[in-house]
Protein backbone atom coordinates (compact mmCIF):
# COMPACT_ATOMS: atom_id res chain seq x y z
CA MET A 1 12.54 27.35 81.59
CA LYS A 2 9.64 25.55 79.83
CA ARG A 3 8.13 28.87 78.91
CA GLY A 4 11.35 29.92 77.29
CA LEU A 5 11.54 26.76 75.22
CA LYS A 6 8.00 27.27 73.94
CA GLN A 7 8.97 30.71 72.82
CA LEU A 8 12.00 29.37 71.01
CA PHE A 9 10.00 26.44 69.40
CA PRO A 10 6.41 27.55 68.80
CA GLU A 11 3.61 25.07 68.10
CA GLN A 12 4.17 23.27 64.74
CA GLY A 13 0.62 21.85 64.34
CA GLY A 14 -0.62 24.45 61.85
CA SER A 15 2.45 24.07 59.61
CA SER A 16 2.12 20.29 59.56
CA ILE A 17 -1.46 20.52 58.33
CA VAL A 18 -0.39 22.83 55.51
CA LEU A 19 2.49 20.55 54.53
CA ALA A 20 0.20 17.50 54.58
CA GLY A 21 -2.28 19.31 52.35
CA LEU A 22 0.45 20.23 49.90
CA ALA A 23 1.71 16.66 49.86
CA LEU A 24 -1.80 15.34 49.17
CA PHE A 25 -2.24 17.84 46.35
CA VAL A 26 1.05 16.78 44.77
CA LEU A 27 0.06 13.13 45.11
CA LEU A 28 -3.30 13.73 43.45
CA ALA A 29 -1.64 15.69 40.67
CA ALA A 30 0.81 12.87 40.08
CA MET A 31 -2.01 10.32 39.99
CA ALA A 32 -3.92 12.50 37.53
CA LEU A 33 -0.89 12.76 35.27
CA VAL A 34 -0.29 9.01 35.34
CA ILE A 35 -3.87 7.80 34.92
CA ASP A 36 -5.20 10.48 32.59
CA GLY A 37 -1.89 10.65 30.76
CA GLY A 38 -2.22 6.96 29.96
CA THR A 39 -5.77 7.48 28.73
CA VAL A 40 -4.68 10.33 26.47
CA PHE A 41 -1.77 8.27 25.12
CA ILE A 42 -4.07 5.36 24.26
CA GLU A 43 -6.61 7.62 22.56
CA ARG A 44 -3.93 9.46 20.58
CA SER A 45 -2.35 6.16 19.48
CA HIS A 46 -5.74 4.83 18.38
CA LEU A 47 -6.47 8.03 16.47
CA GLN A 48 -3.09 7.89 14.70
CA LYS A 49 -3.54 4.24 13.74
CA THR A 50 -6.98 5.09 12.38
CA ALA A 51 -5.59 7.99 10.35
CA ASN A 52 -2.84 5.77 8.92
CA ALA A 53 -5.33 3.05 8.02
CA ALA A 54 -7.63 5.58 6.36
CA VAL A 55 -4.99 7.04 4.03
CA LEU A 56 -3.35 3.68 3.25
CA SER A 57 -6.70 2.18 2.31
CA GLY A 58 -7.84 5.30 0.49
CA ALA A 59 -4.63 5.43 -1.53
CA GLN A 60 -5.55 2.08 -3.09
CA GLU A 61 -8.27 3.96 -4.98
CA LEU A 62 -6.12 6.86 -6.19
CA THR A 63 -6.02 5.22 -9.63
CA ASN A 64 -9.82 4.87 -9.64
CA GLN A 65 -12.34 7.64 -8.81
CA GLN A 66 -12.24 10.32 -6.11
CA ALA A 67 -15.59 9.15 -4.80
CA ALA A 68 -14.04 5.72 -4.23
CA VAL A 69 -11.21 7.27 -2.18
CA THR A 70 -13.68 9.23 -0.06
CA GLY A 71 -15.86 6.17 0.42
CA VAL A 72 -12.97 4.02 1.64
CA ILE A 73 -11.84 6.69 4.10
CA GLN A 74 -15.34 6.95 5.53
CA THR A 75 -15.60 3.17 5.82
CA ILE A 76 -12.31 2.92 7.71
CA LEU A 77 -13.24 5.74 10.08
CA GLN A 78 -16.61 4.16 10.74
CA SER A 79 -15.09 0.75 11.44
CA HIS A 80 -12.79 2.38 14.00
CA GLN A 81 -15.67 4.42 15.46
CA GLU A 82 -13.95 7.67 14.54
CA SER A 83 -16.28 9.12 11.88
CA ALA A 84 -16.91 12.22 13.99
CA SER A 85 -13.16 12.81 14.37
CA LEU A 86 -12.59 13.73 10.71
CA GLN A 87 -11.64 17.40 10.49
CA SER A 88 -10.50 17.53 6.86
CA SER A 89 -9.17 15.44 3.99
CA ALA A 90 -7.29 16.25 0.80
CA ILE A 91 -7.17 14.06 -2.30
CA GLN A 92 -5.00 14.44 -5.39
CA MET A 93 -5.98 11.67 -7.76
CA GLY A 94 -3.02 9.68 -9.03
CA GLN A 95 -0.80 11.20 -6.36
CA ASN A 96 -1.68 11.35 -2.67
CA VAL A 97 -4.32 11.54 0.05
CA SER A 98 -4.24 13.01 3.55
CA VAL A 99 -6.57 13.29 6.56
CA GLN A 100 -6.69 15.31 9.77
CA LEU A 101 -8.45 13.82 12.79
CA ALA A 102 -9.19 15.32 16.21
CA LYS A 103 -11.35 14.38 19.18
CA THR A 104 -12.09 15.51 22.72
CA VAL A 105 -11.04 13.05 25.43
CA PRO A 106 -12.75 13.31 28.85
CA LEU A 107 -10.43 13.17 31.83
CA GLY A 108 -10.91 11.48 35.20
CA PHE A 109 -8.66 12.52 38.09
CA SER A 110 -7.64 15.73 36.35
CA LYS A 111 -11.13 17.09 37.01
CA LEU A 112 -10.00 17.60 40.59
CA LEU A 113 -7.39 19.98 39.23
CA GLY A 114 -9.87 21.87 37.07
CA LYS A 115 -9.12 20.09 33.78
CA ASP A 116 -12.14 18.19 32.40
CA THR A 117 -11.09 17.36 28.83
CA VAL A 118 -8.17 17.45 26.40
CA THR A 119 -8.12 17.47 22.60
CA VAL A 120 -5.95 14.93 20.76
CA ALA A 121 -5.16 15.10 17.05
CA ALA A 122 -3.57 12.95 14.36
CA ASN A 123 -2.49 13.67 10.79
CA ALA A 124 -1.60 11.12 8.12
CA ALA A 125 -0.77 11.19 4.42
CA ALA A 126 0.01 8.52 1.84
CA GLN A 127 1.14 8.67 -1.75
CA ILE A 128 1.45 6.27 -4.64
CA THR A 129 4.71 5.94 -6.50
CA PRO A 130 5.87 3.72 -9.40
CA MET A 131 6.65 0.16 -8.33
CA GLY A 132 10.35 -0.62 -8.27
CA ALA A 133 10.37 -4.19 -6.96
CA SER A 134 7.77 -6.88 -6.42
CA ALA A 135 7.12 -10.62 -6.30
CA GLY A 136 4.40 -12.42 -8.21
CA ALA A 137 5.22 -11.22 -11.73
CA ALA A 138 4.06 -13.09 -14.82
CA PRO A 139 6.73 -14.36 -17.24
CA LEU A 140 5.76 -11.78 -19.85
CA GLY A 141 7.31 -8.43 -20.67
CA ILE A 142 6.51 -5.13 -22.32
CA ASP A 143 9.05 -2.79 -23.89
CA ASP A 144 9.54 0.46 -21.97
CA SER A 145 9.38 2.46 -25.21
CA ILE A 146 5.66 1.70 -25.63
CA VAL A 147 3.36 4.51 -24.51
CA LEU A 148 0.48 2.65 -22.88
CA GLN A 149 -3.14 3.61 -23.47
CA PHE A 150 -4.87 2.37 -20.34
CA GLY A 151 -8.16 0.61 -20.97
CA GLN A 152 -7.32 0.04 -24.63
CA GLN A 153 -7.12 -3.51 -26.01
CA TYR A 154 -3.66 -5.01 -26.48
CA LYS A 155 -2.38 -8.41 -27.54
CA LEU A 156 0.66 -9.76 -25.73
CA LYS A 157 2.49 -12.13 -28.06
CA VAL A 158 3.58 -15.48 -26.67
CA ASP A 159 5.44 -16.89 -29.66
CA GLN A 160 8.69 -15.78 -31.23
CA THR A 161 7.20 -13.89 -34.17
CA GLY A 162 7.56 -10.17 -33.82
CA VAL A 163 9.41 -10.36 -30.52
CA VAL A 164 12.60 -9.04 -32.16
CA ALA A 165 10.78 -5.74 -32.64
CA GLY A 166 11.07 -5.27 -28.89
CA ASN A 167 7.36 -4.86 -28.17
CA PHE A 168 6.32 -7.89 -26.15
CA GLY A 169 8.23 -10.95 -25.07
CA ILE A 170 8.21 -14.03 -22.85
CA LEU A 171 10.62 -14.31 -19.95
CA ALA A 172 12.41 -17.24 -18.35
CA LEU A 173 11.69 -16.35 -14.72
CA GLY A 174 13.42 -18.82 -12.44
CA GLY A 175 14.95 -20.68 -15.38
CA PRO A 176 13.90 -21.99 -18.81
CA GLY A 177 11.35 -24.68 -19.50
CA ALA A 178 7.67 -24.89 -20.39
CA ASN A 179 6.60 -26.24 -17.00
CA THR A 180 8.33 -23.43 -15.12
CA TYR A 181 6.84 -20.88 -17.50
CA GLU A 182 3.30 -22.25 -17.15
CA ASP A 183 3.50 -22.36 -13.34
CA ASN A 184 4.76 -18.77 -13.22
CA LEU A 185 1.98 -17.62 -15.55
CA MET A 186 -0.66 -19.37 -13.46
CA HIS A 187 0.51 -18.27 -10.02
CA GLY A 188 3.13 -15.56 -10.50
CA PHE A 189 6.88 -15.83 -9.98
CA SER A 190 7.50 -16.26 -6.26
CA ASN A 191 10.82 -14.38 -6.11
CA THR A 192 11.17 -10.61 -6.08
CA ILE A 193 12.09 -8.85 -9.31
CA THR A 194 13.75 -5.44 -8.99
CA VAL A 195 14.34 -2.60 -11.43
CA GLY A 196 17.79 -3.14 -12.91
CA ASP A 197 17.60 -6.97 -12.89
CA ILE A 198 18.82 -8.77 -16.02
CA ILE A 199 16.48 -11.59 -17.09
CA ASP A 200 16.78 -14.23 -19.81
CA THR A 201 14.07 -14.55 -22.41
CA GLN A 202 12.17 -17.79 -22.97
CA THR A 203 12.47 -19.72 -26.23
CA GLY A 204 10.50 -22.55 -27.78
CA ASN A 205 6.84 -23.17 -28.54
CA ILE A 206 4.85 -22.39 -25.40
CA ALA A 207 1.57 -21.24 -26.91
CA GLY A 208 -0.23 -24.31 -25.57
CA ASP A 209 1.12 -23.80 -22.05
CA THR A 210 0.06 -20.16 -22.26
CA ARG A 211 -3.50 -21.08 -23.26
CA ASP A 212 -3.79 -23.49 -20.33
CA ALA A 213 -2.48 -20.92 -17.84
CA ILE A 214 -4.72 -18.14 -19.16
CA GLN A 215 -7.75 -20.42 -19.04
CA TYR A 216 -6.87 -21.27 -15.44
CA ARG A 217 -6.74 -17.59 -14.49
CA VAL A 218 -10.01 -16.80 -16.26
CA ASP A 219 -11.76 -19.77 -14.65
CA SER A 220 -10.41 -18.80 -11.21
CA SER A 221 -11.88 -15.30 -11.34
CA PRO A 222 -15.15 -14.95 -9.39
CA TYR A 223 -15.86 -11.50 -10.84
CA THR A 224 -17.78 -10.26 -13.86
CA SER A 225 -15.66 -10.10 -17.00
CA GLY A 226 -14.51 -6.55 -17.66
CA ASP A 227 -14.72 -5.42 -14.03
CA THR A 228 -11.14 -4.40 -13.25
CA THR A 229 -11.81 -2.91 -9.81
CA HIS A 230 -11.04 -6.00 -7.72
CA PRO A 231 -7.36 -6.11 -6.64
CA ASP A 232 -7.44 -9.87 -6.01
CA ASP A 233 -8.85 -10.76 -9.44
CA SER A 234 -6.86 -13.64 -10.96
CA ARG A 235 -7.35 -12.03 -14.39
CA ILE A 236 -4.94 -9.26 -13.36
CA ILE A 237 -1.27 -10.07 -13.89
CA LEU A 238 1.84 -8.10 -13.00
CA VAL A 239 4.06 -7.63 -16.06
CA PRO A 240 7.70 -6.50 -15.94
CA VAL A 241 8.58 -3.54 -18.14
CA TYR A 242 11.97 -3.79 -19.83
CA LYS A 243 14.50 -2.41 -22.22
CA PRO A 244 16.44 -4.79 -24.53
CA TYR A 245 19.75 -5.75 -22.97
CA ASN A 246 21.40 -8.51 -25.00
CA PHE A 247 20.56 -8.73 -28.68
CA THR A 248 22.34 -11.57 -30.51
CA SER A 249 21.72 -12.94 -34.01
CA ASN A 250 18.59 -10.82 -34.43
CA GLN A 251 17.14 -12.32 -31.24
CA MET A 252 16.67 -10.68 -27.87
CA LYS A 253 18.48 -12.93 -25.40
CA GLN A 254 18.12 -10.84 -22.26
CA ILE A 255 16.19 -7.84 -20.99
CA GLN A 256 16.75 -5.34 -18.18
CA VAL A 257 13.80 -4.53 -15.95
CA THR A 258 12.84 -0.85 -15.83
CA GLY A 259 9.46 -1.01 -14.10
CA PHE A 260 6.13 -2.83 -13.87
CA ALA A 261 2.65 -2.73 -15.39
CA TYR A 262 -0.68 -4.43 -14.65
CA PHE A 263 -2.48 -6.29 -17.43
CA TYR A 264 -6.11 -7.42 -17.28
CA ILE A 265 -6.92 -10.60 -19.25
CA SER A 266 -10.11 -9.86 -21.16
CA GLN A 267 -10.84 -13.30 -22.58
CA PRO A 268 -9.53 -16.86 -22.86
CA MET A 269 -7.25 -17.79 -25.76
CA SER A 270 -8.66 -19.82 -28.61
CA GLY A 271 -6.89 -22.90 -29.94
CA ASN A 272 -5.10 -20.85 -32.61
CA ASP A 273 -4.22 -17.77 -30.55
CA THR A 274 -0.58 -16.81 -30.15
CA SER A 275 -1.29 -13.75 -28.05
CA ILE A 276 -3.13 -12.81 -24.85
CA THR A 277 -5.95 -10.30 -25.27
CA GLY A 278 -6.49 -7.72 -22.58
CA MET A 279 -5.76 -4.18 -21.43
CA PHE A 280 -3.32 -2.37 -19.23
CA ILE A 281 -4.79 -0.82 -16.10
CA LYS A 282 -3.58 1.48 -13.34
CA LYS A 283 -3.45 -0.24 -9.99
CA THR A 284 -1.64 -0.32 -6.65
CA GLY A 285 0.02 -3.46 -5.35
CA VAL A 286 2.52 -4.89 -2.92
CA GLY A 287 6.14 -3.98 -3.52
CA THR A 288 8.76 -1.33 -2.90
CA ALA A 289 9.81 1.87 -4.62
CA LYS A 290 13.09 2.39 -6.40
CA ALA A 291 14.51 5.54 -7.93
CA GLY A 292 14.24 5.60 -11.71
CA ALA A 293 11.41 3.08 -12.02
CA SER A 294 9.26 3.66 -15.10
CA ASP A 295 5.71 4.83 -14.54
CA LYS A 296 3.59 2.27 -16.40
CA GLY A 297 0.58 2.21 -14.09
CA ALA A 298 1.81 -0.16 -11.36
CA TYR A 299 2.19 1.63 -8.04
CA ILE A 300 3.04 1.01 -4.41
CA ILE A 301 1.66 2.94 -1.45
CA ARG A 302 3.73 4.51 1.30
CA LEU A 303 3.04 6.78 4.25
CA THR A 304 4.55 10.24 3.92
CA GLU A 305 3.29 11.69 7.22
């Protein structure tokens, strides 16, 4: 009887060992996927963040020189210890910049499965586009019809003479009044101005307030006069671009914002000056894009990949 049962149910020892081995293999494979998968995810995330930082920082120099863009990208990669990961970069001055990064990541548990390394990659691209909305604007304006010559000297008028011609004008940002105007010229208007906004113009004699505010900005600048490469220079002001909106009794009462420009203050105003001397420059800043914004040299940066 016992012999018959053994024939019906042969020894299961060999099968159990095989099943245990398979189970151990599956367990090791799962551990490899979890542990090494986490490592790969962290490395890929770090590489992508580095790529994003490189193009966003490099795009700040797209209005400058190509060598400056390349230098910033290299600095960012070095600071993230990813200099060796750069595979390629592409720069179109005044438009966009992109990078491709890749690196080999060593694996731990996956070595037991015959997989020693894996390659992770990251691509990023950023472009500059005309600014459509921003805070911090100065209470000055420039007519959209003017074709700007960047780097050329201009004089922004701050009295009423000649303003009816629609070239330059003073704006009542946040309300009328000399004190409000002077504070906005010193520090920038705190609220956001957007393309399409209708803004009142400022009236009255504010030449003295303008001179004080311009002197404050010049005195606050730690940089050499004429060096326009520092984005935090207090000599650089954000100026709304406009088209006349409400013309009454030969006086422009209101304007409509069409874009933004950056103006660099070249020198203080003398006691008799009724205009601010400086030049328009191309520069990136903080803001948002908006369809239809005029391209007057003020740009924002955004990731496109």
